[in-house]
C-alpha atoms as a PDB file:
ATOM      1  CA  MET A   1      -0.955  -4.752 -19.535  1.00  0.00           C
ATOM      2  CA  GLY A   2       0.508  -7.929 -18.115  1.00  0.00           C
ATOM      3  CA  LYS A   3      -0.927 -10.106 -15.382  1.00  0.00           C
ATOM      4  CA  GLN A   4      -1.635  -8.404 -12.077  1.00  0.00           C
ATOM      5  CA  THR A   5       0.431  -9.822  -9.222  1.00  0.00           C
ATOM      6  CA  ILE A   6      -1.767 -10.594  -6.181  1.00  0.00           C
ATOM      7  CA  ILE A   7      -0.966 -11.594  -2.639  1.00  0.00           C
ATOM      8  CA  ASP A   8      -3.917 -12.374  -0.395  1.00  0.00           C
ATOM      9  CA  PHE A   9      -2.808 -11.262   3.074  1.00  0.00           C
ATOM     10  CA  HIS A  10      -5.813 -12.729   4.889  1.00  0.00           C
ATOM     11  CA  ALA A  11      -7.181 -16.221   4.309  1.00  0.00           C
ATOM     12  CA  HIS A  12      -7.766 -19.534   6.063  1.00  0.00           C
ATOM     13  CA  LEU A  13      -7.425 -23.176   5.121  1.00  0.00           C
ATOM     14  CA  GLY A  14      -9.437 -25.937   6.695  1.00  0.00           C
ATOM     15  CA  ASP A  15     -11.975 -25.667   9.516  1.00  0.00           C
ATOM     16  CA  ILE A  16     -11.021 -22.958  11.980  1.00  0.00           C
ATOM     17  CA  PHE A  17     -13.894 -23.617  14.378  1.00  0.00           C
ATOM     18  CA  ILE A  18     -14.063 -25.776  17.502  1.00  0.00           C
ATOM     19  CA  SER A  19     -15.371 -28.713  15.439  1.00  0.00           C
ATOM     20  CA  ALA A  20     -11.998 -28.740  13.672  1.00  0.00           C
ATOM     21  CA  LYS A  21     -13.079 -30.997  10.824  1.00  0.00           C
ATOM     22  CA  ASN A  22      -9.998 -32.465   9.085  1.00  0.00           C
ATOM     23  CA  VAL A  23     -10.806 -31.227   5.574  1.00  0.00           C
ATOM     24  CA  ILE A  24      -7.590 -29.719   4.175  1.00  0.00           C
ATOM     25  CA  TYR A  25      -6.720 -32.692   1.962  1.00  0.00           C
ATOM     26  CA  LYS A  26     -10.199 -33.974   1.192  1.00  0.00           C
ATOM     27  CA  GLN A  27     -11.273 -34.108  -2.473  1.00  0.00           C
ATOM     28  CA  GLY A  28     -14.498 -33.168  -4.169  1.00  0.00           C
ATOM     29  CA  MET A  29     -15.869 -30.961  -1.368  1.00  0.00           C
ATOM     30  CA  HIS A  30     -18.837 -28.833  -2.394  1.00  0.00           C
ATOM     31  CA  GLN A  31     -20.824 -26.230  -0.474  1.00  0.00           C
ATOM     32  CA  SER A  32     -24.486 -27.030   0.035  1.00  0.00           C
ATOM     33  CA  GLU A  33     -26.742 -25.236  -2.444  1.00  0.00           C
ATOM     34  CA  ASP A  34     -29.762 -25.414  -0.119  1.00  0.00           C
ATOM     35  CA  MET A  35     -28.433 -23.019   2.525  1.00  0.00           C
ATOM     36  CA  PRO A  36     -28.955 -19.273   2.516  1.00  0.00           C
ATOM     37  CA  ASP A  37     -25.615 -17.563   1.987  1.00  0.00           C
ATOM     38  CA  PRO A  38     -25.447 -14.031   3.411  1.00  0.00           C
ATOM     39  CA  PHE A  39     -21.807 -13.752   2.297  1.00  0.00           C
ATOM     40  CA  LYS A  40     -22.778 -14.200  -1.331  1.00  0.00           C
ATOM     41  CA  ILE A  41     -25.830 -11.917  -1.009  1.00  0.00           C
ATOM     42  CA  ARG A  42     -23.695  -9.129   0.471  1.00  0.00           C
ATOM     43  CA  GLU A  43     -21.008  -9.610  -2.142  1.00  0.00           C
ATOM     44  CA  ASP A  44     -23.653  -9.255  -4.855  1.00  0.00           C
ATOM     45  CA  ARG A  45     -24.538  -5.874  -3.281  1.00  0.00           C
ATOM     46  CA  GLY A  46     -20.943  -4.748  -3.749  1.00  0.00           C
ATOM     47  CA  PHE A  47     -19.971  -5.534  -0.163  1.00  0.00           C
ATOM     48  CA  LYS A  48     -22.391  -2.964   1.203  1.00  0.00           C
ATOM     49  CA  GLY A  49     -24.734  -3.108   4.180  1.00  0.00           C
ATOM     50  CA  PRO A  50     -24.964  -5.660   6.990  1.00  0.00           C
ATOM     51  CA  PHE A  51     -24.384  -9.348   6.469  1.00  0.00           C
ATOM     52  CA  PHE A  52     -27.852 -10.219   7.806  1.00  0.00           C
ATOM     53  CA  GLU A  53     -30.970  -8.627   9.286  1.00  0.00           C
ATOM     54  CA  GLN A  54     -30.070  -7.389  12.712  1.00  0.00           C
ATOM     55  CA  GLY A  55     -32.328  -8.526  15.554  1.00  0.00           C
ATOM     56  CA  SER A  56     -33.522 -11.602  13.669  1.00  0.00           C
ATOM     57  CA  ASP A  57     -32.658 -14.855  15.422  1.00  0.00           C
ATOM     58  CA  LYS A  58     -33.352 -16.820  12.242  1.00  0.00           C
ATOM     59  CA  ALA A  59     -31.020 -14.645  10.137  1.00  0.00           C
ATOM     60  CA  LEU A  60     -28.280 -14.842  12.799  1.00  0.00           C
ATOM     61  CA  ARG A  61     -28.472 -18.640  12.881  1.00  0.00           C
ATOM     62  CA  GLU A  62     -28.376 -18.821   9.101  1.00  0.00           C
ATOM     63  CA  PHE A  63     -25.269 -16.656   9.146  1.00  0.00           C
ATOM     64  CA  ILE A  64     -23.578 -18.855  11.727  1.00  0.00           C
ATOM     65  CA  ASP A  65     -24.573 -21.952   9.732  1.00  0.00           C
ATOM     66  CA  ILE A  66     -22.962 -20.685   6.517  1.00  0.00           C
ATOM     67  CA  ASN A  67     -19.762 -19.751   8.418  1.00  0.00           C
ATOM     68  CA  HIS A  68     -19.416 -23.355   9.458  1.00  0.00           C
ATOM     69  CA  GLU A  69     -20.510 -24.717   6.107  1.00  0.00           C
ATOM     70  CA  ARG A  70     -17.869 -22.721   4.262  1.00  0.00           C
ATOM     71  CA  CYS A  71     -15.252 -24.128   6.639  1.00  0.00           C
ATOM     72  CA  ARG A  72     -16.571 -27.660   6.095  1.00  0.00           C
ATOM     73  CA  VAL A  73     -15.591 -27.437   2.422  1.00  0.00           C
ATOM     74  CA  ASN A  74     -12.440 -25.339   2.864  1.00  0.00           C
ATOM     75  CA  SER A  75     -10.073 -27.818   1.281  1.00  0.00           C
ATOM     76  CA  LEU A  76      -6.724 -27.214  -0.358  1.00  0.00           C
ATOM     77  CA  GLU A  77      -8.188 -28.456  -3.634  1.00  0.00           C
ATOM     78  CA  ASN A  78     -10.891 -25.741  -3.506  1.00  0.00           C
ATOM     79  CA  LEU A  79      -8.407 -23.015  -2.488  1.00  0.00           C
ATOM     80  CA  GLN A  80      -6.104 -23.968  -5.331  1.00  0.00           C
ATOM     81  CA  ARG A  81      -8.959 -23.818  -7.816  1.00  0.00           C
ATOM     82  CA  GLU A  82      -9.976 -20.337  -6.593  1.00  0.00           C
ATOM     83  CA  MET A  83      -6.392 -19.106  -6.825  1.00  0.00           C
ATOM     84  CA  ASP A  84      -5.931 -20.515 -10.335  1.00  0.00           C
ATOM     85  CA  GLU A  85      -9.218 -19.079 -11.644  1.00  0.00           C
ATOM     86  CA  ASN A  86      -8.495 -15.624 -10.243  1.00  0.00           C
ATOM     87  CA  GLY A  87      -4.734 -15.273 -10.803  1.00  0.00           C
ATOM     88  CA  VAL A  88      -3.717 -15.170  -7.171  1.00  0.00           C
ATOM     89  CA  ASP A  89       0.039 -15.648  -6.738  1.00  0.00           C
ATOM     90  CA  TYR A  90       0.311 -16.225  -3.003  1.00  0.00           C
ATOM     91  CA  VAL A  91      -2.110 -16.724  -0.141  1.00  0.00           C
ATOM     92  CA  CYS A  92      -1.388 -16.049   3.506  1.00  0.00           C
ATOM     93  CA  VAL A  93      -3.175 -18.661   5.603  1.00  0.00           C
ATOM     94  CA  LEU A  94      -3.967 -17.754   9.198  1.00  0.00           C
ATOM     95  CA  PRO A  95      -4.352 -20.605  11.717  1.00  0.00           C
ATOM     96  CA  ILE A  96      -6.570 -20.391  14.802  1.00  0.00           C
ATOM     97  CA  MET A  97      -5.777 -22.725  17.670  1.00  0.00           C
ATOM     98  CA  PRO A  98      -6.843 -25.222  18.833  1.00  0.00           C
ATOM     99  CA  ALA A  99      -8.391 -26.125  15.468  1.00  0.00           C
ATOM    100  CA  LEU A 100      -5.383 -25.396  13.239  1.00  0.00           C
ATOM    101  CA  SER A 101      -1.730 -24.667  13.939  1.00  0.00           C
ATOM    102  CA  PHE A 102       1.328 -23.349  12.193  1.00  0.00           C
ATOM    103  CA  GLU A 103       2.447 -26.978  11.688  1.00  0.00           C
ATOM    104  CA  ASP A 104      -0.703 -27.764   9.718  1.00  0.00           C
ATOM    105  CA  TYR A 105      -0.035 -24.888   7.348  1.00  0.00           C
ATOM    106  CA  LYS A 106       3.679 -25.572   7.148  1.00  0.00           C
ATOM    107  CA  VAL A 107       2.884 -29.032   5.776  1.00  0.00           C
ATOM    108  CA  ALA A 108       0.299 -27.523   3.357  1.00  0.00           C
ATOM    109  CA  ARG A 109       3.065 -25.258   2.017  1.00  0.00           C
ATOM    110  CA  MET A 110       5.080 -28.353   1.180  1.00  0.00           C
ATOM    111  CA  VAL A 111       2.183 -29.509  -0.985  1.00  0.00           C
ATOM    112  CA  GLU A 112       1.350 -26.021  -2.366  1.00  0.00           C
ATOM    113  CA  PRO A 113       4.309 -23.533  -2.466  1.00  0.00           C
ATOM    114  CA  ARG A 114       1.960 -20.565  -2.964  1.00  0.00           C
ATOM    115  CA  ILE A 115       0.817 -20.952   0.652  1.00  0.00           C
ATOM    116  CA  ILE A 116       2.373 -18.468   3.110  1.00  0.00           C
ATOM    117  CA  PRO A 117       1.896 -19.883   6.613  1.00  0.00           C
ATOM    118  CA  PHE A 118       1.298 -17.688   9.664  1.00  0.00           C
ATOM    119  CA  THR A 119       1.387 -18.832  13.228  1.00  0.00           C
ATOM    120  CA  CYS A 120      -0.873 -18.284  16.231  1.00  0.00           C
ATOM    121  CA  PRO A 121      -0.535 -18.630  19.997  1.00  0.00           C
ATOM    122  CA  ASP A 122      -1.409 -21.813  21.830  1.00  0.00           C
ATOM    123  CA  PHE A 123      -2.520 -20.360  25.141  1.00  0.00           C
ATOM    124  CA  ARG A 124      -2.729 -23.823  26.616  1.00  0.00           C
ATOM    125  CA  LEU A 125       1.021 -23.344  27.032  1.00  0.00           C
ATOM    126  CA  GLY A 126       0.385 -20.453  29.429  1.00  0.00           C
ATOM    127  CA  MET A 127       3.167 -17.930  29.625  1.00  0.00           C
ATOM    128  CA  ASP A 128       5.339 -20.162  27.429  1.00  0.00           C
ATOM    129  CA  ALA A 129       3.140 -19.549  24.366  1.00  0.00           C
ATOM    130  CA  GLY A 130       5.466 -16.777  23.209  1.00  0.00           C
ATOM    131  CA  LYS A 131       8.487 -19.064  23.224  1.00  0.00           C
ATOM    132  CA  LYS A 132       6.676 -21.413  20.843  1.00  0.00           C
ATOM    133  CA  LEU A 133       5.878 -18.486  18.534  1.00  0.00           C
ATOM    134  CA  VAL A 134       9.575 -17.602  18.250  1.00  0.00           C
ATOM    135  CA  GLU A 135      10.294 -21.199  17.334  1.00  0.00           C
ATOM    136  CA  ASP A 136       7.600 -21.038  14.662  1.00  0.00           C
ATOM    137  CA  ALA A 137       9.126 -17.872  13.239  1.00  0.00           C
ATOM    138  CA  GLU A 138      12.483 -19.583  13.027  1.00  0.00           C
ATOM    139  CA  ASN A 139      10.822 -22.535  11.293  1.00  0.00           C
ATOM    140  CA  GLY A 140       9.111 -20.469   8.598  1.00  0.00           C
ATOM    141  CA  ALA A 141       6.115 -18.663  10.018  1.00  0.00           C
ATOM    142  CA  TYR A 142       5.845 -15.334   8.176  1.00  0.00           C
ATOM    143  CA  ALA A 143       3.598 -13.481  10.651  1.00  0.00           C
ATOM    144  CA  LEU A 144       1.417 -13.844  13.745  1.00  0.00           C
ATOM    145  CA  LYS A 145      -2.358 -14.194  13.740  1.00  0.00           C
ATOM    146  CA  LEU A 146      -4.435 -13.183  16.795  1.00  0.00           C
ATOM    147  CA  HIS A 147      -8.150 -13.764  17.076  1.00  0.00           C
ATOM    148  CA  PRO A 148      -9.061 -12.554  20.567  1.00  0.00           C
ATOM    149  CA  ILE A 149     -12.757 -13.476  20.146  1.00  0.00           C
ATOM    150  CA  LEU A 150     -12.136 -17.150  19.372  1.00  0.00           C
ATOM    151  CA  TYR A 151      -9.204 -17.392  21.784  1.00  0.00           C
ATOM    152  CA  LYS A 152     -11.407 -15.812  24.477  1.00  0.00           C
ATOM    153  CA  THR A 153      -8.269 -13.904  25.373  1.00  0.00           C
ATOM    154  CA  ALA A 154      -8.193 -10.111  25.080  1.00  0.00           C
ATOM    155  CA  LEU A 155      -5.323  -8.207  23.495  1.00  0.00           C
ATOM    156  CA  ASP A 156      -4.453  -6.721  26.871  1.00  0.00           C
ATOM    157  CA  ASP A 157      -4.618 -10.040  28.671  1.00  0.00           C
ATOM    158  CA  PRO A 158      -1.295 -10.909  30.395  1.00  0.00           C
ATOM    159  CA  LEU A 159      -1.071 -14.050  28.227  1.00  0.00           C
ATOM    160  CA  THR A 160      -1.290 -12.014  25.035  1.00  0.00           C
ATOM    161  CA  GLU A 161       1.087  -9.378  26.318  1.00  0.00           C
ATOM    162  CA  GLU A 162       3.704 -11.959  27.189  1.00  0.00           C
ATOM    163  CA  ALA A 163       3.319 -13.634  23.768  1.00  0.00           C
ATOM    164  CA  LEU A 164       3.746 -10.259  22.003  1.00  0.00           C
ATOM    165  CA  LYS A 165       6.895  -9.499  23.974  1.00  0.00           C
ATOM    166  CA  TRP A 166       8.391 -12.689  22.572  1.00  0.00           C
ATOM    167  CA  TRP A 167       7.001 -12.082  19.094  1.00  0.00           C
ATOM    168  CA  ALA A 168       8.604  -8.639  18.984  1.00  0.00           C
ATOM    169  CA  LYS A 169      11.975 -10.390  18.990  1.00  0.00           C
ATOM    170  CA  THR A 170      11.228 -11.819  15.531  1.00  0.00           C
ATOM    171  CA  GLY A 171      10.715  -8.451  13.829  1.00  0.00           C
ATOM    172  CA  LYS A 172       7.782  -9.915  11.931  1.00  0.00           C
ATOM    173  CA  PRO A 173       4.261  -8.433  11.656  1.00  0.00           C
ATOM    174  CA  MET A 174       1.097  -9.424  13.446  1.00  0.00           C
ATOM    175  CA  THR A 175      -2.537  -9.285  12.324  1.00  0.00           C
ATOM    176  CA  SER A 176      -5.618  -9.370  14.532  1.00  0.00           C
ATOM    177  CA  HIS A 177      -9.302  -9.837  13.896  1.00  0.00           C
ATOM    178  CA  CYS A 178     -11.389  -6.703  14.407  1.00  0.00           C
ATOM    179  CA  GLY A 179     -15.124  -6.445  14.782  1.00  0.00           C
ATOM    180  CA  ALA A 180     -17.539  -8.019  17.250  1.00  0.00           C
ATOM    181  CA  GLY A 181     -19.271 -11.103  15.897  1.00  0.00           C
ATOM    182  CA  MET A 182     -21.094 -14.294  16.780  1.00  0.00           C
ATOM    183  CA  TYR A 183     -19.521 -17.549  15.634  1.00  0.00           C
ATOM    184  CA  TYR A 184     -21.801 -20.036  17.392  1.00  0.00           C
ATOM    185  CA  TYR A 185     -25.467 -20.172  18.266  1.00  0.00           C
ATOM    186  CA  PRO A 186     -26.356 -17.653  21.031  1.00  0.00           C
ATOM    187  CA  GLU A 187     -27.017 -20.335  23.616  1.00  0.00           C
ATOM    188  CA  ILE A 188     -23.489 -21.714  23.344  1.00  0.00           C
ATOM    189  CA  ASN A 189     -21.454 -18.786  21.937  1.00  0.00           C
ATOM    190  CA  SER A 190     -20.085 -17.725  25.318  1.00  0.00           C
ATOM    191  CA  GLN A 191     -18.465 -21.126  25.751  1.00  0.00           C
ATOM    192  CA  TYR A 192     -16.293 -20.663  22.681  1.00  0.00           C
ATOM    193  CA  ALA A 193     -16.119 -16.949  21.895  1.00  0.00           C
ATOM    194  CA  THR A 194     -16.046 -13.490  23.508  1.00  0.00           C
ATOM    195  CA  PRO A 195     -17.331 -10.974  20.913  1.00  0.00           C
ATOM    196  CA  GLU A 196     -16.414  -7.802  22.780  1.00  0.00           C
ATOM    197  CA  PHE A 197     -12.720  -8.707  22.516  1.00  0.00           C
ATOM    198  CA  GLY A 198     -12.955  -7.806  18.835  1.00  0.00           C
ATOM    199  CA  ASP A 199     -13.391  -4.079  19.544  1.00  0.00           C
ATOM    200  CA  LEU A 200     -11.011  -2.131  17.294  1.00  0.00           C
ATOM    201  CA  THR A 201     -10.025   0.157  20.193  1.00  0.00           C
ATOM    202  CA  GLN A 202      -8.258  -2.781  21.806  1.00  0.00           C
ATOM    203  CA  LEU A 203      -6.055  -3.203  18.763  1.00  0.00           C
ATOM    204  CA  VAL A 204      -5.189   0.479  18.712  1.00  0.00           C
ATOM    205  CA  GLN A 205      -4.213   0.361  22.375  1.00  0.00           C
ATOM    206  CA  CYS A 206      -2.177  -2.753  21.703  1.00  0.00           C
ATOM    207  CA  ALA A 207      -0.338  -0.925  18.894  1.00  0.00           C
ATOM    208  CA  MET A 208       0.401   1.903  21.295  1.00  0.00           C
ATOM    209  CA  ARG A 209       1.870  -0.542  23.801  1.00  0.00           C
ATOM    210  CA  HIS A 210       3.972  -2.240  21.117  1.00  0.00           C
ATOM    211  CA  PRO A 211       5.179   0.320  18.599  1.00  0.00           C
ATOM    212  CA  GLU A 212       7.961  -2.098  17.604  1.00  0.00           C
ATOM    213  CA  ILE A 213       5.407  -4.510  16.051  1.00  0.00           C
ATOM    214  CA  THR A 214       3.660  -3.805  12.756  1.00  0.00           C
ATOM    215  CA  MET A 215      -0.005  -4.626  13.302  1.00  0.00           C
ATOM    216  CA  VAL A 216      -2.656  -5.186  10.583  1.00  0.00           C
ATOM    217  CA  ALA A 217      -6.240  -4.494  11.522  1.00  0.00           C
ATOM    218  CA  ALA A 218      -8.330  -7.116   9.773  1.00  0.00           C
ATOM    219  CA  HIS A 219     -11.350  -5.867   7.846  1.00  0.00           C
ATOM    220  CA  CYS A 220     -10.017  -2.345   8.509  1.00  0.00           C
ATOM    221  CA  GLY A 221     -11.401  -2.438  12.035  1.00  0.00           C
ATOM    222  CA  GLY A 222     -14.530  -4.458  11.290  1.00  0.00           C
ATOM    223  CA  THR A 223     -17.359  -3.906   8.823  1.00  0.00           C
ATOM    224  CA  ALA A 224     -19.689  -1.872  11.068  1.00  0.00           C
ATOM    225  CA  PRO A 225     -20.538   1.591   9.690  1.00  0.00           C
ATOM    226  CA  GLY A 226     -17.941   4.221  10.608  1.00  0.00           C
ATOM    227  CA  ASN A 227     -15.206   1.775  11.658  1.00  0.00           C
ATOM    228  CA  ILE A 228     -12.790   2.964   8.979  1.00  0.00           C
ATOM    229  CA  GLU A 229     -13.043   6.546  10.133  1.00  0.00           C
ATOM    230  CA  LEU A 230     -12.900   5.552  13.807  1.00  0.00           C
ATOM    231  CA  LEU A 231      -9.817   3.365  13.331  1.00  0.00           C
ATOM    232  CA  ALA A 232      -8.094   6.163  11.391  1.00  0.00           C
ATOM    233  CA  GLU A 233      -8.888   8.739  14.081  1.00  0.00           C
ATOM    234  CA  LEU A 234      -7.827   6.561  17.022  1.00  0.00           C
ATOM    235  CA  SER A 235      -4.577   5.476  15.308  1.00  0.00           C
ATOM    236  CA  ARG A 236      -3.580   8.937  14.134  1.00  0.00           C
ATOM    237  CA  GLY A 237       0.189   9.261  14.586  1.00  0.00           C
ATOM    238  CA  LEU A 238       0.718   5.472  14.818  1.00  0.00           C
ATOM    239  CA  ASP A 239       2.811   4.348  11.865  1.00  0.00           C
ATOM    240  CA  ASN A 240       2.658   0.636  12.885  1.00  0.00           C
ATOM    241  CA  ILE A 241      -1.028   0.100  12.019  1.00  0.00           C
ATOM    242  CA  TYR A 242      -1.936  -1.300   8.622  1.00  0.00           C
ATOM    243  CA  VAL A 243      -5.331  -2.464   7.353  1.00  0.00           C
ATOM    244  CA  ASP A 244      -6.697  -5.127   5.027  1.00  0.00           C
ATOM    245  CA  THR A 245      -9.488  -4.889   2.430  1.00  0.00           C
ATOM    246  CA  SER A 246     -11.478  -7.995   3.309  1.00  0.00           C
ATOM    247  CA  PHE A 247     -15.279  -7.590   2.883  1.00  0.00           C
ATOM    248  CA  ARG A 248     -14.865  -3.974   1.810  1.00  0.00           C
ATOM    249  CA  SER A 249     -16.538  -2.140  -1.063  1.00  0.00           C
ATOM    250  CA  HIS A 250     -14.531  -0.101  -3.536  1.00  0.00           C
ATOM    251  CA  GLU A 251     -15.781   3.064  -1.827  1.00  0.00           C
ATOM    252  CA  ASP A 252     -14.484   1.754   1.470  1.00  0.00           C
ATOM    253  CA  ILE A 253     -11.144   0.874  -0.070  1.00  0.00           C
ATOM    254  CA  GLU A 254     -10.832   4.316  -1.608  1.00  0.00           C
ATOM    255  CA  LEU A 255     -11.460   5.769   1.853  1.00  0.00           C
ATOM    256  CA  MET A 256      -8.888   3.432   3.426  1.00  0.00           C
ATOM    257  CA  ILE A 257      -6.280   4.539   0.887  1.00  0.00           C
ATOM    258  CA  GLU A 258      -7.111   8.184   1.614  1.00  0.00           C
ATOM    259  CA  LEU A 259      -7.012   7.895   5.434  1.00  0.00           C
ATOM    260  CA  PHE A 260      -4.231   5.392   5.979  1.00  0.00           C
ATOM    261  CA  GLY A 261      -2.165   6.017   2.837  1.00  0.00           C
ATOM    262  CA  PRO A 262      -1.671   3.537  -0.034  1.00  0.00           C
ATOM    263  CA  GLU A 263       1.451   2.152   1.635  1.00  0.00           C
ATOM    264  CA  ARG A 264      -0.591   0.704   4.549  1.00  0.00           C
ATOM    265  CA  VAL A 265      -3.477  -0.987   2.766  1.00  0.00           C
ATOM    266  CA  LEU A 266      -3.229  -4.775   2.071  1.00  0.00           C
ATOM    267  CA  PHE A 267      -5.433  -6.878  -0.162  1.00  0.00           C
ATOM    268  CA  GLY A 268      -7.249  -9.526   1.903  1.00  0.00           C
ATOM    269  CA  THR A 269     -10.302 -11.773   1.365  1.00  0.00           C
ATOM    270  CA  ASP A 270     -10.862 -13.768   4.584  1.00  0.00           C
ATOM    271  CA  TYR A 271     -11.301 -16.756   2.271  1.00  0.00           C
ATOM    272  CA  PRO A 272     -13.342 -19.052   2.467  1.00  0.00           C
ATOM    273  CA  PHE A 273     -15.800 -16.493   3.840  1.00  0.00           C
ATOM    274  CA  GLY A 274     -15.035 -14.066   1.066  1.00  0.00           C
ATOM    275  CA  SER A 275     -14.515 -15.013  -2.552  1.00  0.00           C
ATOM    276  CA  TYR A 276     -11.652 -13.829  -4.783  1.00  0.00           C
ATOM    277  CA  LYS A 277     -13.550 -12.637  -7.824  1.00  0.00           C
ATOM    278  CA  GLY A 278     -15.703 -10.056  -6.091  1.00  0.00           C
ATOM    279  CA  GLN A 279     -13.011  -8.711  -3.810  1.00  0.00           C
ATOM    280  CA  ILE A 280     -10.416  -8.406  -6.582  1.00  0.00           C
ATOM    281  CA  GLU A 281     -13.005  -6.463  -8.585  1.00  0.00           C
ATOM    282  CA  GLN A 282     -13.505  -3.993  -5.720  1.00  0.00           C
ATOM    283  CA  VAL A 283      -9.736  -3.225  -5.502  1.00  0.00           C
ATOM    284  CA  MET A 284      -9.549  -2.889  -9.270  1.00  0.00           C
ATOM    285  CA  ILE A 285     -12.334  -0.310  -9.220  1.00  0.00           C
ATOM    286  CA  ALA A 286     -10.878   1.542  -6.249  1.00  0.00           C
ATOM    287  CA  THR A 287      -7.435   1.823  -7.910  1.00  0.00           C
ATOM    288  CA  GLU A 288      -8.583   2.394 -11.498  1.00  0.00           C
ATOM    289  CA  GLY A 289      -6.141   4.598 -13.394  1.00  0.00           C
ATOM    290  CA  ASN A 290      -3.358   4.276 -10.810  1.00  0.00           C
ATOM    291  CA  GLN A 291      -1.254   1.186 -11.350  1.00  0.00           C
ATOM    292  CA  GLU A 292       1.256   2.231  -8.671  1.00  0.00           C
ATOM    293  CA  VAL A 293      -1.388   2.259  -5.960  1.00  0.00           C
ATOM    294  CA  ARG A 294      -2.937  -0.897  -7.336  1.00  0.00           C
ATOM    295  CA  ASP A 295       0.386  -2.732  -7.037  1.00  0.00           C
ATOM    296  CA  LEU A 296       0.896  -1.449  -3.512  1.00  0.00           C
ATOM    297  CA  VAL A 297      -2.453  -2.775  -2.353  1.00  0.00           C
ATOM    298  CA  PHE A 298      -2.419  -6.028  -4.271  1.00  0.00           C
ATOM    299  CA  TRP A 299       1.106  -7.163  -3.457  1.00  0.00           C
ATOM    300  CA  LYS A 300       3.908  -4.713  -2.814  1.00  0.00           C
ATOM    301  CA  ASN A 301       2.864  -3.771   0.704  1.00  0.00           C
ATOM    302  CA  ALA A 302       2.439  -7.413   1.723  1.00  0.00           C
ATOM    303  CA  ASN A 303       5.730  -8.321   0.123  1.00  0.00           C
ATOM    304  CA  ARG A 304       7.492  -5.525   1.984  1.00  0.00           C
ATOM    305  CA  LEU A 305       6.150  -6.823   5.314  1.00  0.00           C
ATOM    306  CA  LEU A 306       6.648 -10.530   4.606  1.00  0.00           C
ATOM    307  CA  ASN A 307       9.540 -10.758   2.116  1.00  0.00           C
ATOM    308  CA  ILE A 308       7.740 -13.363   0.000  1.00  0.00           C
ATOM    309  CA  MET A 309       9.167 -12.594  -3.448  1.00  0.00           C
END
């Protein structure tokens, strides 16, 4: 069998947090070996169970620390190495304002043609944010990224609704983060994030309001137990909802394929938070013996939505 074509639909480049460290083009960046890494521990469990001990303030802070540490070393050099070592053909990079913009990733694509830049709204522009998104689409943005938690702007907020009305004119897809989560220490998190805006029900309701936009639910609705089934039930009859495989076990991916159909499941890693090796392995196990489904998940579905190849 020849090389498996792979498109990662869900990744980031650089520091997406409010600190916005300028790391994309730095060389020789290495993650600290002294920090506990719940991402690695969970991956070693086959992407099963919670990321950290619930109710433990120490475990929560360690998880937040490693989120920011992984972003601190999220350079183009490191991303290229990961792609080369794991045979990844293209990577969709998802900006989050105000830390990173479409323009940042458009330049990165000039350096590394395997990068597929998405755009995101700059809500500092108010109701004009949507006009800027259309300009980005015309200038090479392949899709739209929403992160209502980090934007502190819900999917049903008038600003988001106005932006989506403009985005619908492009005919291009949108992906949104799903799953409530803490990104900063509890004493400051509310300044920079609104976890409840990640509730998967908000994405389903958004898809109902905008049937003309293809929407990809990141992490298949979030990694909490039962979210795959809940998302499938709530979105029954909606053909504009897709899902990605980031942070999911092969059992989860098999369930996603069963409930959503192989034509609506996209390979994603949420790099740098998820690695390539482990997540590729999970898809390989989930699709063992069925090359047609494997190709759909790894690249054909993404290519159909984005017209990359």
